[in-house]
Amino acid sequence: MSKRDELIEKYASDLKDKIGMTPDMDLLRKVTIGCGPSIYNKDASTVAGSDKSELETVKNNFLIKKHGLSASQDLDGAIASVMEKYGKSNPSKHRAVVYYMLTKHFGLEGNYK
């Protein structure tokens, strides 16, 4: 099993165990691949849920630049909701899982073909 496949399994486990969500494995794989090499970097592979600048990066780089959403679509509320579901007690959340949950929240699955 490749390192990426191991990480995808870890992300799927987080979605099932911590969030209670059954992941679409094909979509999770595509979102993970979309994260690029950041998934292999300890710091870049996670999102600090309490770091405002980190959450701004998720909003600006993932939701606005990558998916073309507008700031008027309550992006901050969606990010806060994802952070809440992932668990406040978990300070560092896997970036691929956060992105997957945001993709599902906004119905952006069609952007991953």
PDB file of N, CA and C in Angstrom:
ATOM      1  N   MET A   1       0.846  -1.183   0.000  1.00  0.00           N
ATOM      2  CA  MET A   1       0.000   0.000   0.000  1.00  0.00           C
ATOM      3  C   MET A   1       0.888   1.242   0.000  1.00  0.00           C
ATOM      4  N   SER A   2       0.575   2.185  -0.875  1.00  0.00           N
ATOM      5  CA  SER A   2       1.381   3.402  -0.962  1.00  0.00           C
ATOM      6  C   SER A   2       1.110   4.314   0.234  1.00  0.00           C
ATOM      7  N   LYS A   3       2.001   5.238   0.443  1.00  0.00           N
ATOM      8  CA  LYS A   3       1.854   6.200   1.541  1.00  0.00           C
ATOM      9  C   LYS A   3       0.548   6.983   1.375  1.00  0.00           C
ATOM     10  N   ARG A   4       0.240   7.390   0.130  1.00  0.00           N
ATOM     11  CA  ARG A   4      -0.999   8.134  -0.104  1.00  0.00           C
ATOM     12  C   ARG A   4      -2.217   7.281   0.247  1.00  0.00           C
ATOM     13  N   ASP A   5      -2.214   6.005  -0.134  1.00  0.00           N
ATOM     14  CA  ASP A   5      -3.333   5.119   0.190  1.00  0.00           C
ATOM     15  C   ASP A   5      -3.486   4.959   1.702  1.00  0.00           C
ATOM     16  N   GLU A   6      -2.363   4.890   2.409  1.00  0.00           N
ATOM     17  CA  GLU A   6      -2.406   4.799   3.871  1.00  0.00           C
ATOM     18  C   GLU A   6      -3.052   6.053   4.464  1.00  0.00           C
ATOM     19  N   LEU A   7      -2.678   7.211   3.925  1.00  0.00           N
ATOM     20  CA  LEU A   7      -3.252   8.464   4.410  1.00  0.00           C
ATOM     21  C   LEU A   7      -4.745   8.542   4.111  1.00  0.00           C
ATOM     22  N   ILE A   8      -5.150   8.094   2.934  1.00  0.00           N
ATOM     23  CA  ILE A   8      -6.570   8.107   2.576  1.00  0.00           C
ATOM     24  C   ILE A   8      -7.355   7.217   3.538  1.00  0.00           C
ATOM     25  N   GLU A   9      -6.806   6.085   3.898  1.00  0.00           N
ATOM     26  CA  GLU A   9      -7.456   5.207   4.871  1.00  0.00           C
ATOM     27  C   GLU A   9      -7.570   5.894   6.229  1.00  0.00           C
ATOM     28  N   LYS A  10      -6.527   6.612   6.619  1.00  0.00           N
ATOM     29  CA  LYS A  10      -6.543   7.367   7.876  1.00  0.00           C
ATOM     30  C   LYS A  10      -7.633   8.444   7.834  1.00  0.00           C
ATOM     31  N   TYR A  11      -7.745   9.140   6.710  1.00  0.00           N
ATOM     32  CA  TYR A  11      -8.756  10.186   6.559  1.00  0.00           C
ATOM     33  C   TYR A  11     -10.162   9.579   6.604  1.00  0.00           C
ATOM     34  N   ALA A  12     -10.343   8.446   5.942  1.00  0.00           N
ATOM     35  CA  ALA A  12     -11.641   7.762   5.947  1.00  0.00           C
ATOM     36  C   ALA A  12     -12.018   7.353   7.360  1.00  0.00           C
ATOM     37  N   SER A  13     -11.029   6.901   8.110  1.00  0.00           N
ATOM     38  CA  SER A  13     -11.260   6.519   9.501  1.00  0.00           C
ATOM     39  C   SER A  13     -11.696   7.721  10.337  1.00  0.00           C
ATOM     40  N   ASP A  14     -11.059   8.869  10.125  1.00  0.00           N
ATOM     41  CA  ASP A  14     -11.466  10.093  10.827  1.00  0.00           C
ATOM     42  C   ASP A  14     -12.913  10.441  10.493  1.00  0.00           C
ATOM     43  N   LEU A  15     -13.260  10.368   9.222  1.00  0.00           N
ATOM     44  CA  LEU A  15     -14.626  10.702   8.809  1.00  0.00           C
ATOM     45  C   LEU A  15     -15.642   9.774   9.472  1.00  0.00           C
ATOM     46  N   LYS A  16     -15.328   8.483   9.540  1.00  0.00           N
ATOM     47  CA  LYS A  16     -16.238   7.515  10.146  1.00  0.00           C
ATOM     48  C   LYS A  16     -16.289   7.663  11.662  1.00  0.00           C
ATOM     49  N   ASP A  17     -15.111   7.649  12.294  1.00  0.00           N
ATOM     50  CA  ASP A  17     -15.035   7.560  13.752  1.00  0.00           C
ATOM     51  C   ASP A  17     -15.247   8.894  14.472  1.00  0.00           C
ATOM     52  N   LYS A  18     -14.700   9.962  13.946  1.00  0.00           N
ATOM     53  CA  LYS A  18     -14.773  11.244  14.640  1.00  0.00           C
ATOM     54  C   LYS A  18     -15.978  12.077  14.214  1.00  0.00           C
ATOM     55  N   ILE A  19     -16.454  11.867  12.987  1.00  0.00           N
ATOM     56  CA  ILE A  19     -17.510  12.717  12.457  1.00  0.00           C
ATOM     57  C   ILE A  19     -18.808  11.939  12.245  1.00  0.00           C
ATOM     58  N   GLY A  20     -18.704  10.613  12.131  1.00  0.00           N
ATOM     59  CA  GLY A  20     -19.889   9.797  11.906  1.00  0.00           C
ATOM     60  C   GLY A  20     -20.411   9.883  10.485  1.00  0.00           C
ATOM     61  N   MET A  21     -19.491  10.102   9.559  1.00  0.00           N
ATOM     62  CA  MET A  21     -19.837  10.274   8.145  1.00  0.00           C
ATOM     63  C   MET A  21     -19.248   9.106   7.353  1.00  0.00           C
ATOM     64  N   THR A  22     -20.045   8.496   6.493  1.00  0.00           N
ATOM     65  CA  THR A  22     -19.525   7.441   5.630  1.00  0.00           C
ATOM     66  C   THR A  22     -18.947   8.109   4.388  1.00  0.00           C
ATOM     67  N   PRO A  23     -17.623   8.002   4.203  1.00  0.00           N
ATOM     68  CA  PRO A  23     -16.996   8.727   3.089  1.00  0.00           C
ATOM     69  C   PRO A  23     -17.244   8.078   1.733  1.00  0.00           C
ATOM     70  N   ASP A  24     -17.350   8.934   0.736  1.00  0.00           N
ATOM     71  CA  ASP A  24     -17.333   8.518  -0.659  1.00  0.00           C
ATOM     72  C   ASP A  24     -15.837   8.377  -0.976  1.00  0.00           C
ATOM     73  N   MET A  25     -15.356   7.154  -1.041  1.00  0.00           N
ATOM     74  CA  MET A  25     -13.917   6.917  -1.159  1.00  0.00           C
ATOM     75  C   MET A  25     -13.335   7.488  -2.448  1.00  0.00           C
ATOM     76  N   ASP A  26     -14.092   7.465  -3.530  1.00  0.00           N
ATOM     77  CA  ASP A  26     -13.604   8.021  -4.791  1.00  0.00           C
ATOM     78  C   ASP A  26     -13.402   9.534  -4.644  1.00  0.00           C
ATOM     79  N   LEU A  27     -14.371  10.209  -4.056  1.00  0.00           N
ATOM     80  CA  LEU A  27     -14.251  11.652  -3.841  1.00  0.00           C
ATOM     81  C   LEU A  27     -13.127  11.958  -2.855  1.00  0.00           C
ATOM     82  N   LEU A  28     -13.031  11.184  -1.790  1.00  0.00           N
ATOM     83  CA  LEU A  28     -11.970  11.408  -0.801  1.00  0.00           C
ATOM     84  C   LEU A  28     -10.597  11.270  -1.460  1.00  0.00           C
ATOM     85  N   ARG A  29     -10.445  10.291  -2.329  1.00  0.00           N
ATOM     86  CA  ARG A  29      -9.177  10.098  -3.058  1.00  0.00           C
ATOM     87  C   ARG A  29      -8.885  11.328  -3.927  1.00  0.00           C
ATOM     88  N   LYS A  30      -9.888  11.828  -4.629  1.00  0.00           N
ATOM     89  CA  LYS A  30      -9.695  12.986  -5.514  1.00  0.00           C
ATOM     90  C   LYS A  30      -9.365  14.248  -4.722  1.00  0.00           C
ATOM     91  N   VAL A  31     -10.049  14.448  -3.594  1.00  0.00           N
ATOM     92  CA  VAL A  31      -9.757  15.613  -2.758  1.00  0.00           C
ATOM     93  C   VAL A  31      -8.334  15.513  -2.207  1.00  0.00           C
ATOM     94  N   THR A  32      -7.954  14.312  -1.782  1.00  0.00           N
ATOM     95  CA  THR A  32      -6.604  14.097  -1.247  1.00  0.00           C
ATOM     96  C   THR A  32      -5.553  14.381  -2.311  1.00  0.00           C
ATOM     97  N   ILE A  33      -5.754  13.883  -3.506  1.00  0.00           N
ATOM     98  CA  ILE A  33      -4.821  14.140  -4.607  1.00  0.00           C
ATOM     99  C   ILE A  33      -4.759  15.637  -4.892  1.00  0.00           C
ATOM    100  N   GLY A  34      -5.894  16.306  -4.801  1.00  0.00           N
ATOM    101  CA  GLY A  34      -5.954  17.747  -5.017  1.00  0.00           C
ATOM    102  C   GLY A  34      -5.158  18.548  -4.001  1.00  0.00           C
ATOM    103  N   CYS A  35      -4.920  17.968  -2.844  1.00  0.00           N
ATOM    104  CA  CYS A  35      -4.108  18.642  -1.813  1.00  0.00           C
ATOM    105  C   CYS A  35      -2.632  18.656  -2.191  1.00  0.00           C
ATOM    106  N   GLY A  36      -2.257  17.811  -3.134  1.00  0.00           N
ATOM    107  CA  GLY A  36      -0.870  17.772  -3.585  1.00  0.00           C
ATOM    108  C   GLY A  36       0.079  17.253  -2.521  1.00  0.00           C
ATOM    109  N   PRO A  37       1.336  17.677  -2.594  1.00  0.00           N
ATOM    110  CA  PRO A  37       2.353  17.158  -1.672  1.00  0.00           C
ATOM    111  C   PRO A  37       2.172  17.620  -0.224  1.00  0.00           C
ATOM    112  N   SER A  38       1.256  18.547   0.020  1.00  0.00           N
ATOM    113  CA  SER A  38       1.068  19.039   1.391  1.00  0.00           C
ATOM    114  C   SER A  38       0.660  17.920   2.349  1.00  0.00           C
ATOM    115  N   ILE A  39       0.044  16.851   1.834  1.00  0.00           N
ATOM    116  CA  ILE A  39      -0.396  15.771   2.722  1.00  0.00           C
ATOM    117  C   ILE A  39       0.775  15.025   3.361  1.00  0.00           C
ATOM    118  N   TYR A  40       1.966  15.196   2.793  1.00  0.00           N
ATOM    119  CA  TYR A  40       3.142  14.506   3.320  1.00  0.00           C
ATOM    120  C   TYR A  40       3.944  15.376   4.289  1.00  0.00           C
ATOM    121  N   ASN A  41       3.562  16.633   4.434  1.00  0.00           N
ATOM    122  CA  ASN A  41       4.263  17.561   5.311  1.00  0.00           C
ATOM    123  C   ASN A  41       3.479  17.683   6.613  1.00  0.00           C
ATOM    124  N   LYS A  42       4.144  17.401   7.737  1.00  0.00           N
ATOM    125  CA  LYS A  42       3.457  17.368   9.031  1.00  0.00           C
ATOM    126  C   LYS A  42       2.664  18.635   9.308  1.00  0.00           C
ATOM    127  N   ASP A  43       3.249  19.798   9.073  1.00  0.00           N
ATOM    128  CA  ASP A  43       2.562  21.056   9.364  1.00  0.00           C
ATOM    129  C   ASP A  43       1.486  21.366   8.319  1.00  0.00           C
ATOM    130  N   ALA A  44       1.806  21.216   7.054  1.00  0.00           N
ATOM    131  CA  ALA A  44       0.877  21.579   5.981  1.00  0.00           C
ATOM    132  C   ALA A  44      -0.298  20.605   5.857  1.00  0.00           C
ATOM    133  N   SER A  45      -0.143  19.393   6.362  1.00  0.00           N
ATOM    134  CA  SER A  45      -1.195  18.388   6.204  1.00  0.00           C
ATOM    135  C   SER A  45      -2.356  18.578   7.168  1.00  0.00           C
ATOM    136  N   THR A  46      -2.203  19.506   8.108  1.00  0.00           N
ATOM    137  CA  THR A  46      -3.268  19.737   9.081  1.00  0.00           C
ATOM    138  C   THR A  46      -3.731  21.186   9.060  1.00  0.00           C
ATOM    139  N   VAL A  47      -4.924  21.388   9.599  1.00  0.00           N
ATOM    140  CA  VAL A  47      -5.504  22.716   9.740  1.00  0.00           C
ATOM    141  C   VAL A  47      -5.689  22.954  11.233  1.00  0.00           C
ATOM    142  N   ALA A  48      -5.098  24.024  11.735  1.00  0.00           N
ATOM    143  CA  ALA A  48      -5.275  24.388  13.146  1.00  0.00           C
ATOM    144  C   ALA A  48      -6.607  25.125  13.250  1.00  0.00           C
ATOM    145  N   GLY A  49      -7.587  24.471  13.835  1.00  0.00           N
ATOM    146  CA  GLY A  49      -8.939  25.016  13.898  1.00  0.00           C
ATOM    147  C   GLY A  49      -9.080  26.304  14.680  1.00  0.00           C
ATOM    148  N   SER A  50      -8.113  26.613  15.525  1.00  0.00           N
ATOM    149  CA  SER A  50      -8.210  27.829  16.333  1.00  0.00           C
ATOM    150  C   SER A  50      -7.354  28.969  15.781  1.00  0.00           C
ATOM    151  N   ASP A  51      -6.652  28.731  14.691  1.00  0.00           N
ATOM    152  CA  ASP A  51      -5.776  29.742  14.095  1.00  0.00           C
ATOM    153  C   ASP A  51      -6.525  30.487  12.994  1.00  0.00           C
ATOM    154  N   LYS A  52      -6.859  31.733  13.262  1.00  0.00           N
ATOM    155  CA  LYS A  52      -7.660  32.528  12.319  1.00  0.00           C
ATOM    156  C   LYS A  52      -6.989  32.665  10.945  1.00  0.00           C
ATOM    157  N   SER A  53      -5.668  32.820  10.930  1.00  0.00           N
ATOM    158  CA  SER A  53      -4.981  32.966   9.636  1.00  0.00           C
ATOM    159  C   SER A  53      -5.038  31.654   8.845  1.00  0.00           C
ATOM    160  N   GLU A  54      -4.997  30.536   9.545  1.00  0.00           N
ATOM    161  CA  GLU A  54      -5.098  29.222   8.896  1.00  0.00           C
ATOM    162  C   GLU A  54      -6.491  29.053   8.277  1.00  0.00           C
ATOM    163  N   LEU A  55      -7.509  29.473   8.997  1.00  0.00           N
ATOM    164  CA  LEU A  55      -8.878  29.363   8.492  1.00  0.00           C
ATOM    165  C   LEU A  55      -9.111  30.311   7.319  1.00  0.00           C
ATOM    166  N   GLU A  56      -8.458  31.472   7.338  1.00  0.00           N
ATOM    167  CA  GLU A  56      -8.532  32.402   6.208  1.00  0.00           C
ATOM    168  C   GLU A  56      -7.891  31.780   4.967  1.00  0.00           C
ATOM    169  N   THR A  57      -6.805  31.047   5.170  1.00  0.00           N
ATOM    170  CA  THR A  57      -6.138  30.359   4.061  1.00  0.00           C
ATOM    171  C   THR A  57      -7.061  29.314   3.448  1.00  0.00           C
ATOM    172  N   VAL A  58      -7.743  28.551   4.291  1.00  0.00           N
ATOM    173  CA  VAL A  58      -8.699  27.555   3.786  1.00  0.00           C
ATOM    174  C   VAL A  58      -9.773  28.261   2.963  1.00  0.00           C
ATOM    175  N   LYS A  59     -10.297  29.358   3.494  1.00  0.00           N
ATOM    176  CA  LYS A  59     -11.360  30.093   2.806  1.00  0.00           C
ATOM    177  C   LYS A  59     -10.865  30.665   1.479  1.00  0.00           C
ATOM    178  N   ASN A  60      -9.745  31.385   1.521  1.00  0.00           N
ATOM    179  CA  ASN A  60      -9.262  32.073   0.320  1.00  0.00           C
ATOM    180  C   ASN A  60      -8.689  31.137  -0.728  1.00  0.00           C
ATOM    181  N   ASN A  61      -7.853  30.185  -0.314  1.00  0.00           N
ATOM    182  CA  ASN A  61      -7.177  29.327  -1.290  1.00  0.00           C
ATOM    183  C   ASN A  61      -8.039  28.165  -1.774  1.00  0.00           C
ATOM    184  N   PHE A  62      -8.800  27.562  -0.873  1.00  0.00           N
ATOM    185  CA  PHE A  62      -9.581  26.384  -1.270  1.00  0.00           C
ATOM    186  C   PHE A  62     -10.963  26.770  -1.791  1.00  0.00           C
ATOM    187  N   LEU A  63     -11.706  27.521  -1.011  1.00  0.00           N
ATOM    188  CA  LEU A  63     -13.089  27.803  -1.399  1.00  0.00           C
ATOM    189  C   LEU A  63     -13.211  28.882  -2.472  1.00  0.00           C
ATOM    190  N   ILE A  64     -12.459  29.964  -2.330  1.00  0.00           N
ATOM    191  CA  ILE A  64     -12.601  31.078  -3.276  1.00  0.00           C
ATOM    192  C   ILE A  64     -11.763  30.855  -4.536  1.00  0.00           C
ATOM    193  N   LYS A  65     -10.451  30.621  -4.370  1.00  0.00           N
ATOM    194  CA  LYS A  65      -9.588  30.484  -5.548  1.00  0.00           C
ATOM    195  C   LYS A  65      -9.816  29.166  -6.286  1.00  0.00           C
ATOM    196  N   LYS A  66      -9.829  28.056  -5.562  1.00  0.00           N
ATOM    197  CA  LYS A  66      -9.934  26.755  -6.233  1.00  0.00           C
ATOM    198  C   LYS A  66     -11.346  26.483  -6.748  1.00  0.00           C
ATOM    199  N   HIS A  67     -12.355  26.826  -5.952  1.00  0.00           N
ATOM    200  CA  HIS A  67     -13.728  26.467  -6.322  1.00  0.00           C
ATOM    201  C   HIS A  67     -14.584  27.639  -6.788  1.00  0.00           C
ATOM    202  N   GLY A  68     -14.052  28.848  -6.724  1.00  0.00           N
ATOM    203  CA  GLY A  68     -14.764  30.002  -7.260  1.00  0.00           C
ATOM    204  C   GLY A  68     -15.972  30.458  -6.460  1.00  0.00           C
ATOM    205  N   LEU A  69     -16.026  30.101  -5.182  1.00  0.00           N
ATOM    206  CA  LEU A  69     -17.135  30.564  -4.355  1.00  0.00           C
ATOM    207  C   LEU A  69     -16.927  32.030  -4.006  1.00  0.00           C
ATOM    208  N   SER A  70     -18.001  32.700  -3.676  1.00  0.00           N
ATOM    209  CA  SER A  70     -17.891  34.106  -3.291  1.00  0.00           C
ATOM    210  C   SER A  70     -17.987  34.233  -1.780  1.00  0.00           C
ATOM    211  N   ALA A  71     -17.414  35.291  -1.270  1.00  0.00           N
ATOM    212  CA  ALA A  71     -17.403  35.518   0.175  1.00  0.00           C
ATOM    213  C   ALA A  71     -18.809  35.688   0.726  1.00  0.00           C
ATOM    214  N   SER A  72     -19.774  35.969  -0.114  1.00  0.00           N
ATOM    215  CA  SER A  72     -21.145  36.170   0.353  1.00  0.00           C
ATOM    216  C   SER A  72     -21.861  34.851   0.663  1.00  0.00           C
ATOM    217  N   GLN A  73     -21.209  33.735   0.440  1.00  0.00           N
ATOM    218  CA  GLN A  73     -21.849  32.433   0.645  1.00  0.00           C
ATOM    219  C   GLN A  73     -21.627  31.866   2.046  1.00  0.00           C
ATOM    220  N   ASP A  74     -21.408  32.705   3.022  1.00  0.00           N
ATOM    221  CA  ASP A  74     -21.165  32.307   4.414  1.00  0.00           C
ATOM    222  C   ASP A  74     -20.086  31.225   4.519  1.00  0.00           C
ATOM    223  N   LEU A  75     -18.948  31.520   3.928  1.00  0.00           N
ATOM    224  CA  LEU A  75     -17.825  30.590   3.958  1.00  0.00           C
ATOM    225  C   LEU A  75     -17.312  30.398   5.378  1.00  0.00           C
ATOM    226  N   ASP A  76     -17.257  31.491   6.141  1.00  0.00           N
ATOM    227  CA  ASP A  76     -16.781  31.395   7.527  1.00  0.00           C
ATOM    228  C   ASP A  76     -17.683  30.483   8.352  1.00  0.00           C
ATOM    229  N   GLY A  77     -18.987  30.600   8.148  1.00  0.00           N
ATOM    230  CA  GLY A  77     -19.934  29.748   8.869  1.00  0.00           C
ATOM    231  C   GLY A  77     -19.753  28.283   8.529  1.00  0.00           C
ATOM    232  N   ALA A  78     -19.526  28.010   7.248  1.00  0.00           N
ATOM    233  CA  ALA A  78     -19.320  26.623   6.816  1.00  0.00           C
ATOM    234  C   ALA A  78     -18.035  26.057   7.411  1.00  0.00           C
ATOM    235  N   ILE A  79     -16.976  26.861   7.405  1.00  0.00           N
ATOM    236  CA  ILE A  79     -15.702  26.411   7.981  1.00  0.00           C
ATOM    237  C   ILE A  79     -15.868  26.160   9.480  1.00  0.00           C
ATOM    238  N   ALA A  80     -16.554  27.073  10.165  1.00  0.00           N
ATOM    239  CA  ALA A  80     -16.791  26.903  11.606  1.00  0.00           C
ATOM    240  C   ALA A  80     -17.588  25.633  11.880  1.00  0.00           C
ATOM    241  N   SER A  81     -18.566  25.357  11.039  1.00  0.00           N
ATOM    242  CA  SER A  81     -19.376  24.148  11.189  1.00  0.00           C
ATOM    243  C   SER A  81     -18.528  22.885  11.025  1.00  0.00           C
ATOM    244  N   VAL A  82     -17.653  22.890  10.021  1.00  0.00           N
ATOM    245  CA  VAL A  82     -16.755  21.746   9.799  1.00  0.00           C
ATOM    246  C   VAL A  82     -15.827  21.562  10.997  1.00  0.00           C
ATOM    247  N   MET A  83     -15.279  22.658  11.505  1.00  0.00           N
ATOM    248  CA  MET A  83     -14.378  22.575  12.661  1.00  0.00           C
ATOM    249  C   MET A  83     -15.116  22.016  13.879  1.00  0.00           C
ATOM    250  N   GLU A  84     -16.357  22.427  14.058  1.00  0.00           N
ATOM    251  CA  GLU A  84     -17.176  21.944  15.179  1.00  0.00           C
ATOM    252  C   GLU A  84     -17.440  20.455  15.048  1.00  0.00           C
ATOM    253  N   LYS A  85     -17.811  20.017  13.843  1.00  0.00           N
ATOM    254  CA  LYS A  85     -18.097  18.594  13.614  1.00  0.00           C
ATOM    255  C   LYS A  85     -16.852  17.737  13.796  1.00  0.00           C
ATOM    256  N   TYR A  86     -15.709  18.261  13.384  1.00  0.00           N
ATOM    257  CA  TYR A  86     -14.451  17.497  13.479  1.00  0.00           C
ATOM    258  C   TYR A  86     -14.031  17.364  14.939  1.00  0.00           C
ATOM    259  N   GLY A  87     -14.444  18.304  15.764  1.00  0.00           N
ATOM    260  CA  GLY A  87     -14.166  18.214  17.205  1.00  0.00           C
ATOM    261  C   GLY A  87     -13.223  19.296  17.676  1.00  0.00           C
ATOM    262  N   LYS A  88     -13.721  20.116  18.575  1.00  0.00           N
ATOM    263  CA  LYS A  88     -12.907  21.207  19.130  1.00  0.00           C
ATOM    264  C   LYS A  88     -11.700  20.674  19.892  1.00  0.00           C
ATOM    265  N   SER A  89     -11.835  19.492  20.487  1.00  0.00           N
ATOM    266  CA  SER A  89     -10.736  18.942  21.291  1.00  0.00           C
ATOM    267  C   SER A  89      -9.568  18.466  20.430  1.00  0.00           C
ATOM    268  N   ASN A  90      -9.804  18.309  19.139  1.00  0.00           N
ATOM    269  CA  ASN A  90      -8.761  17.885  18.220  1.00  0.00           C
ATOM    270  C   ASN A  90      -8.146  19.153  17.614  1.00  0.00           C
ATOM    271  N   PRO A  91      -6.982  19.606  18.123  1.00  0.00           N
ATOM    272  CA  PRO A  91      -6.451  20.893  17.691  1.00  0.00           C
ATOM    273  C   PRO A  91      -6.003  20.939  16.230  1.00  0.00           C
ATOM    274  N   SER A  92      -5.501  19.849  15.702  1.00  0.00           N
ATOM    275  CA  SER A  92      -5.039  19.806  14.312  1.00  0.00           C
ATOM    276  C   SER A  92      -5.862  18.793  13.542  1.00  0.00           C
ATOM    277  N   LYS A  93      -6.549  19.290  12.558  1.00  0.00           N
ATOM    278  CA  LYS A  93      -7.426  18.444  11.764  1.00  0.00           C
ATOM    279  C   LYS A  93      -6.785  18.195  10.397  1.00  0.00           C
ATOM    280  N   HIS A  94      -6.941  17.007   9.873  1.00  0.00           N
ATOM    281  CA  HIS A  94      -6.353  16.679   8.575  1.00  0.00           C
ATOM    282  C   HIS A  94      -6.955  17.576   7.488  1.00  0.00           C
ATOM    283  N   ARG A  95      -6.088  18.238   6.744  1.00  0.00           N
ATOM    284  CA  ARG A  95      -6.512  19.169   5.691  1.00  0.00           C
ATOM    285  C   ARG A  95      -7.428  18.474   4.675  1.00  0.00           C
ATOM    286  N   ALA A  96      -7.075  17.261   4.262  1.00  0.00           N
ATOM    287  CA  ALA A  96      -7.877  16.549   3.262  1.00  0.00           C
ATOM    288  C   ALA A  96      -9.288  16.274   3.782  1.00  0.00           C
ATOM    289  N   VAL A  97      -9.417  15.999   5.070  1.00  0.00           N
ATOM    290  CA  VAL A  97     -10.736  15.743   5.660  1.00  0.00           C
ATOM    291  C   VAL A  97     -11.548  17.038   5.700  1.00  0.00           C
ATOM    292  N   VAL A  98     -10.905  18.132   6.103  1.00  0.00           N
ATOM    293  CA  VAL A  98     -11.580  19.437   6.132  1.00  0.00           C
ATOM    294  C   VAL A  98     -12.046  19.797   4.722  1.00  0.00           C
ATOM    295  N   TYR A  99     -11.178  19.639   3.745  1.00  0.00           N
ATOM    296  CA  TYR A  99     -11.528  19.963   2.362  1.00  0.00           C
ATOM    297  C   TYR A  99     -12.654  19.052   1.851  1.00  0.00           C
ATOM    298  N   TYR A 100     -12.596  17.784   2.204  1.00  0.00           N
ATOM    299  CA  TYR A 100     -13.649  16.843   1.811  1.00  0.00           C
ATOM    300  C   TYR A 100     -14.992  17.294   2.372  1.00  0.00           C
ATOM    301  N   MET A 101     -15.007  17.640   3.664  1.00  0.00           N
ATOM    302  CA  MET A 101     -16.254  18.057   4.305  1.00  0.00           C
ATOM    303  C   MET A 101     -16.794  19.350   3.694  1.00  0.00           C
ATOM    304  N   LEU A 102     -15.916  20.277   3.367  1.00  0.00           N
ATOM    305  CA  LEU A 102     -16.347  21.519   2.721  1.00  0.00           C
ATOM    306  C   LEU A 102     -16.861  21.249   1.303  1.00  0.00           C
ATOM    307  N   THR A 103     -16.213  20.316   0.616  1.00  0.00           N
ATOM    308  CA  THR A 103     -16.662  19.932  -0.726  1.00  0.00           C
ATOM    309  C   THR A 103     -18.085  19.391  -0.656  1.00  0.00           C
ATOM    310  N   LYS A 104     -18.350  18.533   0.313  1.00  0.00           N
ATOM    311  CA  LYS A 104     -19.691  17.973   0.482  1.00  0.00           C
ATOM    312  C   LYS A 104     -20.683  19.063   0.898  1.00  0.00           C
ATOM    313  N   HIS A 105     -20.276  19.933   1.816  1.00  0.00           N
ATOM    314  CA  HIS A 105     -21.154  20.985   2.327  1.00  0.00           C
ATOM    315  C   HIS A 105     -21.664  21.882   1.203  1.00  0.00           C
ATOM    316  N   PHE A 106     -20.773  22.265   0.301  1.00  0.00           N
ATOM    317  CA  PHE A 106     -21.146  23.178  -0.770  1.00  0.00           C
ATOM    318  C   PHE A 106     -21.561  22.465  -2.065  1.00  0.00           C
ATOM    319  N   GLY A 107     -21.584  21.125  -2.052  1.00  0.00           N
ATOM    320  CA  GLY A 107     -21.976  20.387  -3.245  1.00  0.00           C
ATOM    321  C   GLY A 107     -21.017  20.563  -4.406  1.00  0.00           C
ATOM    322  N   LEU A 108     -19.734  20.551  -4.109  1.00  0.00           N
ATOM    323  CA  LEU A 108     -18.703  20.806  -5.115  1.00  0.00           C
ATOM    324  C   LEU A 108     -18.133  19.521  -5.726  1.00  0.00           C
ATOM    325  N   GLU A 109     -18.803  18.411  -5.511  1.00  0.00           N
ATOM    326  CA  GLU A 109     -18.285  17.127  -5.992  1.00  0.00           C
ATOM    327  C   GLU A 109     -18.016  17.152  -7.500  1.00  0.00           C
ATOM    328  N   GLY A 110     -18.826  17.873  -8.248  1.00  0.00           N
ATOM    329  CA  GLY A 110     -18.670  17.951  -9.695  1.00  0.00           C
ATOM    330  C   GLY A 110     -17.356  18.603 -10.137  1.00  0.00           C
ATOM    331  N   ASN A 111     -16.704  19.304  -9.228  1.00  0.00           N
ATOM    332  CA  ASN A 111     -15.414  19.924  -9.555  1.00  0.00           C
ATOM    333  C   ASN A 111     -14.279  18.902  -9.539  1.00  0.00           C
ATOM    334  N   TYR A 112     -14.547  17.722  -9.034  1.00  0.00           N
ATOM    335  CA  TYR A 112     -13.547  16.637  -8.996  1.00  0.00           C
ATOM    336  C   TYR A 112     -13.978  15.550  -9.962  1.00  0.00           C
ATOM    337  N   LYS A 113     -13.496  15.652 -11.194  1.00  0.00           N
ATOM    338  CA  LYS A 113     -13.886  14.665 -12.214  1.00  0.00           C
ATOM    339  C   LYS A 113     -12.803  13.685 -12.461  1.00  0.00           C
TER     340      LYS A 113
END
